[in-house]
PDB file of N, CA and C in Angstrom:
ATOM      1  N   MET A   1      -2.493  26.407  11.452  1.00  0.00           N
ATOM      2  CA  MET A   1      -1.145  26.300  11.946  1.00  0.00           C
ATOM      3  C   MET A   1      -0.197  26.891  10.879  1.00  0.00           C
ATOM      4  N   SER A   2       0.684  27.758  11.303  1.00  0.00           N
ATOM      5  CA  SER A   2       1.615  28.333  10.327  1.00  0.00           C
ATOM      6  C   SER A   2       2.675  27.304   9.943  1.00  0.00           C
ATOM      7  N   SER A   3       3.344  27.601   8.833  1.00  0.00           N
ATOM      8  CA  SER A   3       4.351  26.652   8.357  1.00  0.00           C
ATOM      9  C   SER A   3       5.539  26.603   9.345  1.00  0.00           C
ATOM     10  N   LEU A   4       5.837  27.644  10.039  1.00  0.00           N
ATOM     11  CA  LEU A   4       6.919  27.620  11.002  1.00  0.00           C
ATOM     12  C   LEU A   4       6.580  26.680  12.182  1.00  0.00           C
ATOM     13  N   HIS A   5       5.323  26.759  12.676  1.00  0.00           N
ATOM     14  CA  HIS A   5       4.892  25.884  13.772  1.00  0.00           C
ATOM     15  C   HIS A   5       4.837  24.444  13.335  1.00  0.00           C
ATOM     16  N   GLU A   6       4.357  24.234  12.111  1.00  0.00           N
ATOM     17  CA  GLU A   6       4.259  22.888  11.589  1.00  0.00           C
ATOM     18  C   GLU A   6       5.652  22.282  11.463  1.00  0.00           C
ATOM     19  N   ARG A   7       6.561  22.991  10.881  1.00  0.00           N
ATOM     20  CA  ARG A   7       7.946  22.496  10.718  1.00  0.00           C
ATOM     21  C   ARG A   7       8.625  22.250  12.064  1.00  0.00           C
ATOM     22  N   THR A   8       8.401  23.120  13.050  1.00  0.00           N
ATOM     23  CA  THR A   8       8.964  22.918  14.372  1.00  0.00           C
ATOM     24  C   THR A   8       8.406  21.696  15.061  1.00  0.00           C
ATOM     25  N   LEU A   9       7.085  21.502  14.917  1.00  0.00           N
ATOM     26  CA  LEU A   9       6.428  20.324  15.512  1.00  0.00           C
ATOM     27  C   LEU A   9       6.931  19.024  14.862  1.00  0.00           C
ATOM     28  N   ILE A  10       7.015  19.011  13.559  1.00  0.00           N
ATOM     29  CA  ILE A  10       7.469  17.808  12.898  1.00  0.00           C
ATOM     30  C   ILE A  10       8.944  17.534  13.160  1.00  0.00           C
ATOM     31  N   ARG A  11       9.774  18.567  13.212  1.00  0.00           N
ATOM     32  CA  ARG A  11      11.187  18.416  13.529  1.00  0.00           C
ATOM     33  C   ARG A  11      11.350  17.851  14.952  1.00  0.00           C
ATOM     34  N   THR A  12      10.550  18.382  15.888  1.00  0.00           N
ATOM     35  CA  THR A  12      10.616  17.868  17.273  1.00  0.00           C
ATOM     36  C   THR A  12      10.199  16.414  17.346  1.00  0.00           C
ATOM     37  N   LEU A  13       9.119  16.054  16.655  1.00  0.00           N
ATOM     38  CA  LEU A  13       8.668  14.676  16.601  1.00  0.00           C
ATOM     39  C   LEU A  13       9.774  13.803  15.996  1.00  0.00           C
ATOM     40  N   HIS A  14      10.393  14.259  14.938  1.00  0.00           N
ATOM     41  CA  HIS A  14      11.453  13.492  14.297  1.00  0.00           C
ATOM     42  C   HIS A  14      12.633  13.245  15.292  1.00  0.00           C
ATOM     43  N   LEU A  15      13.008  14.279  15.996  1.00  0.00           N
ATOM     44  CA  LEU A  15      14.117  14.124  16.921  1.00  0.00           C
ATOM     45  C   LEU A  15      13.788  13.256  18.118  1.00  0.00           C
ATOM     46  N   VAL A  16      12.553  13.417  18.683  1.00  0.00           N
ATOM     47  CA  VAL A  16      12.151  12.645  19.805  1.00  0.00           C
ATOM     48  C   VAL A  16      12.022  11.157  19.471  1.00  0.00           C
ATOM     49  N   LEU A  17      11.452  10.882  18.290  1.00  0.00           N
ATOM     50  CA  LEU A  17      11.306   9.463  17.867  1.00  0.00           C
ATOM     51  C   LEU A  17      12.640   8.832  17.445  1.00  0.00           C
ATOM     52  N   SER A  18      13.665   9.633  17.274  1.00  0.00           N
ATOM     53  CA  SER A  18      14.968   9.076  16.940  1.00  0.00           C
ATOM     54  C   SER A  18      15.649   8.521  18.200  1.00  0.00           C
ATOM     55  N   ILE A  19      15.286   8.972  19.368  1.00  0.00           N
ATOM     56  CA  ILE A  19      15.900   8.480  20.586  1.00  0.00           C
ATOM     57  C   ILE A  19      15.693   7.007  20.822  1.00  0.00           C
ATOM     58  N   PRO A  20      14.459   6.421  20.642  1.00  0.00           N
ATOM     59  CA  PRO A  20      14.349   4.975  20.828  1.00  0.00           C
ATOM     60  C   PRO A  20      15.145   4.186  19.753  1.00  0.00           C
ATOM     61  N   ILE A  21      15.319   4.770  18.608  1.00  0.00           N
ATOM     62  CA  ILE A  21      16.102   4.067  17.555  1.00  0.00           C
ATOM     63  C   ILE A  21      17.570   3.951  18.008  1.00  0.00           C
ATOM     64  N   ILE A  22      18.050   5.041  18.571  1.00  0.00           N
ATOM     65  CA  ILE A  22      19.463   5.009  19.092  1.00  0.00           C
ATOM     66  C   ILE A  22      19.555   4.008  20.217  1.00  0.00           C
ATOM     67  N   GLY A  23      18.561   3.979  21.087  1.00  0.00           N
ATOM     68  CA  GLY A  23      18.568   2.987  22.163  1.00  0.00           C
ATOM     69  C   GLY A  23      18.475   1.585  21.648  1.00  0.00           C
ATOM     70  N   PHE A  24      17.746   1.382  20.571  1.00  0.00           N
ATOM     71  CA  PHE A  24      17.605   0.038  20.011  1.00  0.00           C
ATOM     72  C   PHE A  24      18.950  -0.409  19.423  1.00  0.00           C
ATOM     73  N   ILE A  25      19.678   0.512  18.821  1.00  0.00           N
ATOM     74  CA  ILE A  25      20.991   0.147  18.216  1.00  0.00           C
ATOM     75  C   ILE A  25      22.077  -0.002  19.236  1.00  0.00           C
ATOM     76  N   TYR A  26      22.188   0.929  20.175  1.00  0.00           N
ATOM     77  CA  TYR A  26      23.308   0.962  21.102  1.00  0.00           C
ATOM     78  C   TYR A  26      22.978   0.500  22.507  1.00  0.00           C
ATOM     79  N   GLY A  27      21.720   0.320  22.847  1.00  0.00           N
ATOM     80  CA  GLY A  27      21.391  -0.013  24.195  1.00  0.00           C
ATOM     81  C   GLY A  27      20.642  -1.354  24.313  1.00  0.00           C
ATOM     82  N   PRO A  28      20.032  -1.551  25.465  1.00  0.00           N
ATOM     83  CA  PRO A  28      19.311  -2.779  25.709  1.00  0.00           C
ATOM     84  C   PRO A  28      17.870  -2.851  25.198  1.00  0.00           C
ATOM     85  N   VAL A  29      17.479  -1.855  24.437  1.00  0.00           N
ATOM     86  CA  VAL A  29      16.068  -1.751  23.975  1.00  0.00           C
ATOM     87  C   VAL A  29      15.660  -2.946  23.149  1.00  0.00           C
ATOM     88  N   ALA A  30      16.583  -3.499  22.377  1.00  0.00           N
ATOM     89  CA  ALA A  30      16.276  -4.616  21.495  1.00  0.00           C
ATOM     90  C   ALA A  30      15.885  -5.848  22.293  1.00  0.00           C
ATOM     91  N   HIS A  31      16.287  -5.967  23.558  1.00  0.00           N
ATOM     92  CA  HIS A  31      15.976  -7.106  24.400  1.00  0.00           C
ATOM     93  C   HIS A  31      14.742  -6.910  25.263  1.00  0.00           C
ATOM     94  N   ILE A  32      14.095  -5.785  25.168  1.00  0.00           N
ATOM     95  CA  ILE A  32      12.860  -5.482  25.923  1.00  0.00           C
ATOM     96  C   ILE A  32      11.722  -5.537  24.919  1.00  0.00           C
ATOM     97  N   PRO A  33      10.894  -6.608  24.915  1.00  0.00           N
ATOM     98  CA  PRO A  33       9.870  -6.763  23.835  1.00  0.00           C
ATOM     99  C   PRO A  33       8.978  -5.563  23.568  1.00  0.00           C
ATOM    100  N   PRO A  34       8.348  -4.970  24.606  1.00  0.00           N
ATOM    101  CA  PRO A  34       7.464  -3.819  24.289  1.00  0.00           C
ATOM    102  C   PRO A  34       8.226  -2.627  23.675  1.00  0.00           C
ATOM    103  N   ALA A  35       9.395  -2.391  24.173  1.00  0.00           N
ATOM    104  CA  ALA A  35      10.170  -1.276  23.595  1.00  0.00           C
ATOM    105  C   ALA A  35      10.672  -1.615  22.218  1.00  0.00           C
ATOM    106  N   ALA A  36      11.069  -2.839  21.949  1.00  0.00           N
ATOM    107  CA  ALA A  36      11.460  -3.211  20.588  1.00  0.00           C
ATOM    108  C   ALA A  36      10.299  -3.154  19.630  1.00  0.00           C
ATOM    109  N   PHE A  37       9.119  -3.563  20.063  1.00  0.00           N
ATOM    110  CA  PHE A  37       7.940  -3.458  19.248  1.00  0.00           C
ATOM    111  C   PHE A  37       7.601  -2.000  18.882  1.00  0.00           C
ATOM    112  N   PHE A  38       7.656  -1.104  19.878  1.00  0.00           N
ATOM    113  CA  PHE A  38       7.416   0.308  19.650  1.00  0.00           C
ATOM    114  C   PHE A  38       8.415   0.887  18.679  1.00  0.00           C
ATOM    115  N   THR A  39       9.655   0.528  18.832  1.00  0.00           N
ATOM    116  CA  THR A  39      10.724   1.067  18.006  1.00  0.00           C
ATOM    117  C   THR A  39      10.576   0.599  16.563  1.00  0.00           C
ATOM    118  N   ARG A  40      10.313  -0.710  16.387  1.00  0.00           N
ATOM    119  CA  ARG A  40      10.232  -1.276  15.042  1.00  0.00           C
ATOM    120  C   ARG A  40       9.015  -0.796  14.309  1.00  0.00           C
ATOM    121  N   PHE A  41       7.854  -0.751  14.950  1.00  0.00           N
ATOM    122  CA  PHE A  41       6.593  -0.502  14.240  1.00  0.00           C
ATOM    123  C   PHE A  41       6.029   0.905  14.390  1.00  0.00           C
ATOM    124  N   PHE A  42       6.586   1.707  15.257  1.00  0.00           N
ATOM    125  CA  PHE A  42       6.092   3.084  15.397  1.00  0.00           C
ATOM    126  C   PHE A  42       7.197   4.113  15.198  1.00  0.00           C
ATOM    127  N   ALA A  43       8.283   3.981  15.959  1.00  0.00           N
ATOM    128  CA  ALA A  43       9.348   4.996  15.912  1.00  0.00           C
ATOM    129  C   ALA A  43      10.037   5.055  14.587  1.00  0.00           C
ATOM    130  N   VAL A  44      10.443   3.916  14.017  1.00  0.00           N
ATOM    131  CA  VAL A  44      11.153   3.943  12.743  1.00  0.00           C
ATOM    132  C   VAL A  44      10.274   4.422  11.581  1.00  0.00           C
ATOM    133  N   PRO A  45       9.033   3.904  11.402  1.00  0.00           N
ATOM    134  CA  PRO A  45       8.231   4.409  10.309  1.00  0.00           C
ATOM    135  C   PRO A  45       7.858   5.869  10.447  1.00  0.00           C
ATOM    136  N   LEU A  46       7.534   6.339  11.681  1.00  0.00           N
ATOM    137  CA  LEU A  46       7.163   7.742  11.835  1.00  0.00           C
ATOM    138  C   LEU A  46       8.380   8.671  11.659  1.00  0.00           C
ATOM    139  N   THR A  47       9.572   8.189  12.047  1.00  0.00           N
ATOM    140  CA  THR A  47      10.771   8.990  11.853  1.00  0.00           C
ATOM    141  C   THR A  47      11.074   9.110  10.340  1.00  0.00           C
ATOM    142  N   ILE A  48      10.911   7.993   9.614  1.00  0.00           N
ATOM    143  CA  ILE A  48      11.138   8.048   8.192  1.00  0.00           C
ATOM    144  C   ILE A  48      10.118   8.959   7.519  1.00  0.00           C
ATOM    145  N   ALA A  49       8.841   8.819   7.884  1.00  0.00           N
ATOM    146  CA  ALA A  49       7.793   9.641   7.281  1.00  0.00           C
ATOM    147  C   ALA A  49       8.008  11.118   7.574  1.00  0.00           C
ATOM    148  N   SER A  50       8.348  11.459   8.822  1.00  0.00           N
ATOM    149  CA  SER A  50       8.558  12.860   9.132  1.00  0.00           C
ATOM    150  C   SER A  50       9.775  13.402   8.444  1.00  0.00           C
ATOM    151  N   GLY A  51      10.821  12.627   8.290  1.00  0.00           N
ATOM    152  CA  GLY A  51      11.999  13.093   7.555  1.00  0.00           C
ATOM    153  C   GLY A  51      11.700  13.341   6.091  1.00  0.00           C
ATOM    154  N   ILE A  52      10.978  12.416   5.466  1.00  0.00           N
ATOM    155  CA  ILE A  52      10.571  12.637   4.061  1.00  0.00           C
ATOM    156  C   ILE A  52       9.667  13.835   3.940  1.00  0.00           C
ATOM    157  N   TRP A  53       8.726  14.013   4.892  1.00  0.00           N
ATOM    158  CA  TRP A  53       7.851  15.170   4.855  1.00  0.00           C
ATOM    159  C   TRP A  53       8.638  16.465   4.970  1.00  0.00           C
ATOM    160  N   LEU A  54       9.636  16.514   5.864  1.00  0.00           N
ATOM    161  CA  LEU A  54      10.441  17.752   5.996  1.00  0.00           C
ATOM    162  C   LEU A  54      11.260  17.996   4.728  1.00  0.00           C
ATOM    163  N   TRP A  55      11.719  16.947   4.136  1.00  0.00           N
ATOM    164  CA  TRP A  55      12.607  17.027   3.000  1.00  0.00           C
ATOM    165  C   TRP A  55      11.870  17.294   1.694  1.00  0.00           C
ATOM    166  N   GLN A  56      10.724  16.637   1.489  1.00  0.00           N
ATOM    167  CA  GLN A  56      10.075  16.661   0.160  1.00  0.00           C
ATOM    168  C   GLN A  56       8.690  17.287   0.172  1.00  0.00           C
ATOM    169  N   LYS A  57       8.296  18.006   1.190  1.00  0.00           N
ATOM    170  CA  LYS A  57       6.939  18.531   1.262  1.00  0.00           C
ATOM    171  C   LYS A  57       6.629  19.454   0.071  1.00  0.00           C
ATOM    172  N   GLN A  58       7.506  20.380  -0.234  1.00  0.00           N
ATOM    173  CA  GLN A  58       7.234  21.291  -1.327  1.00  0.00           C
ATOM    174  C   GLN A  58       7.142  20.612  -2.642  1.00  0.00           C
ATOM    175  N   ARG A  59       8.019  19.638  -2.867  1.00  0.00           N
ATOM    176  CA  ARG A  59       7.971  18.884  -4.144  1.00  0.00           C
ATOM    177  C   ARG A  59       6.665  18.137  -4.269  1.00  0.00           C
ATOM    178  N   LEU A  60       6.207  17.514  -3.180  1.00  0.00           N
ATOM    179  CA  LEU A  60       4.927  16.782  -3.204  1.00  0.00           C
ATOM    180  C   LEU A  60       3.783  17.713  -3.507  1.00  0.00           C
ATOM    181  N   PHE A  61       3.720  18.880  -2.869  1.00  0.00           N
ATOM    182  CA  PHE A  61       2.620  19.810  -3.141  1.00  0.00           C
ATOM    183  C   PHE A  61       2.664  20.344  -4.559  1.00  0.00           C
ATOM    184  N   ARG A  62       3.856  20.598  -5.048  1.00  0.00           N
ATOM    185  CA  ARG A  62       3.995  21.046  -6.455  1.00  0.00           C
ATOM    186  C   ARG A  62       3.491  19.992  -7.414  1.00  0.00           C
ATOM    187  N   TRP A  63       3.842  18.740  -7.176  1.00  0.00           N
ATOM    188  CA  TRP A  63       3.435  17.619  -8.021  1.00  0.00           C
ATOM    189  C   TRP A  63       1.907  17.461  -7.978  1.00  0.00           C
ATOM    190  N   LEU A  64       1.298  17.569  -6.777  1.00  0.00           N
ATOM    191  CA  LEU A  64      -0.139  17.474  -6.669  1.00  0.00           C
ATOM    192  C   LEU A  64      -0.851  18.623  -7.348  1.00  0.00           C
ATOM    193  N   ARG A  65      -0.288  19.805  -7.262  1.00  0.00           N
ATOM    194  CA  ARG A  65      -0.898  20.978  -7.929  1.00  0.00           C
ATOM    195  C   ARG A  65      -0.863  20.804  -9.408  1.00  0.00           C
ATOM    196  N   ARG A  66       0.257  20.353  -9.983  1.00  0.00           N
ATOM    197  CA  ARG A  66       0.337  20.069 -11.414  1.00  0.00           C
ATOM    198  C   ARG A  66      -0.586  18.989 -11.841  1.00  0.00           C
ATOM    199  N   LEU A  67      -0.718  17.944 -11.060  1.00  0.00           N
ATOM    200  CA  LEU A  67      -1.585  16.838 -11.373  1.00  0.00           C
ATOM    201  C   LEU A  67      -3.058  17.320 -11.393  1.00  0.00           C
ATOM    202  N   ARG A  68      -3.462  18.161 -10.445  1.00  0.00           N
ATOM    203  CA  ARG A  68      -4.842  18.714 -10.440  1.00  0.00           C
ATOM    204  C   ARG A  68      -5.083  19.611 -11.649  1.00  0.00           C
ATOM    205  N   GLN A  69      -4.109  20.429 -11.990  1.00  0.00           N
ATOM    206  CA  GLN A  69      -4.273  21.305 -13.130  1.00  0.00           C
ATOM    207  C   GLN A  69      -4.367  20.505 -14.424  1.00  0.00           C
ATOM    208  N   ARG A  70      -3.586  19.454 -14.539  1.00  0.00           N
ATOM    209  CA  ARG A  70      -3.588  18.622 -15.713  1.00  0.00           C
ATOM    210  C   ARG A  70      -4.941  17.903 -15.865  1.00  0.00           C
ATOM    211  N   ASN A  71      -5.530  17.483 -14.748  1.00  0.00           N
ATOM    212  CA  ASN A  71      -6.798  16.757 -14.791  1.00  0.00           C
ATOM    213  C   ASN A  71      -7.996  17.730 -14.847  1.00  0.00           C
ATOM    214  N   GLY A  72      -7.757  18.968 -14.707  1.00  0.00           N
ATOM    215  CA  GLY A  72      -8.853  19.976 -14.752  1.00  0.00           C
ATOM    216  C   GLY A  72      -9.527  20.164 -13.444  1.00  0.00           C
ATOM    217  N   THR A  73      -9.032  19.602 -12.363  1.00  0.00           N
ATOM    218  CA  THR A  73      -9.577  19.753 -11.034  1.00  0.00           C
ATOM    219  C   THR A  73      -8.937  20.997 -10.381  1.00  0.00           C
ATOM    220  N   LEU A  74      -9.740  21.990 -10.162  1.00  0.00           N
ATOM    221  CA  LEU A  74      -9.206  23.230  -9.608  1.00  0.00           C
ATOM    222  C   LEU A  74      -9.484  23.338  -8.116  1.00  0.00           C
ATOM    223  N   SER A  75     -10.466  22.595  -7.604  1.00  0.00           N
ATOM    224  CA  SER A  75     -10.806  22.684  -6.186  1.00  0.00           C
ATOM    225  C   SER A  75      -9.900  21.747  -5.403  1.00  0.00           C
ATOM    226  N   GLU A  76      -9.622  22.154  -4.157  1.00  0.00           N
ATOM    227  CA  GLU A  76      -8.816  21.316  -3.281  1.00  0.00           C
ATOM    228  C   GLU A  76      -9.764  20.536  -2.365  1.00  0.00           C
ATOM    229  N   ASP A  77      -9.871  19.247  -2.545  1.00  0.00           N
ATOM    230  CA  ASP A  77     -10.741  18.416  -1.737  1.00  0.00           C
ATOM    231  C   ASP A  77     -10.009  17.755  -0.611  1.00  0.00           C
TER     232      ASP A  77
END
């Protein structure tokens, strides 16, 4: 998967999972138990994780590369 397709997929996931959060805040989703459960335990954590991934992916890879070089591990496992 190219970086363009990966970024587009993660951005779409991020935006789609933001919709239940908006419904939870402004709509009746908080009063519907299955929808509230999904929003609290799936939509919010995945939205946060995808946002951090989009924001900090390069920094994370750079840090891992430096860590591997420092430890003498050259192969990517």
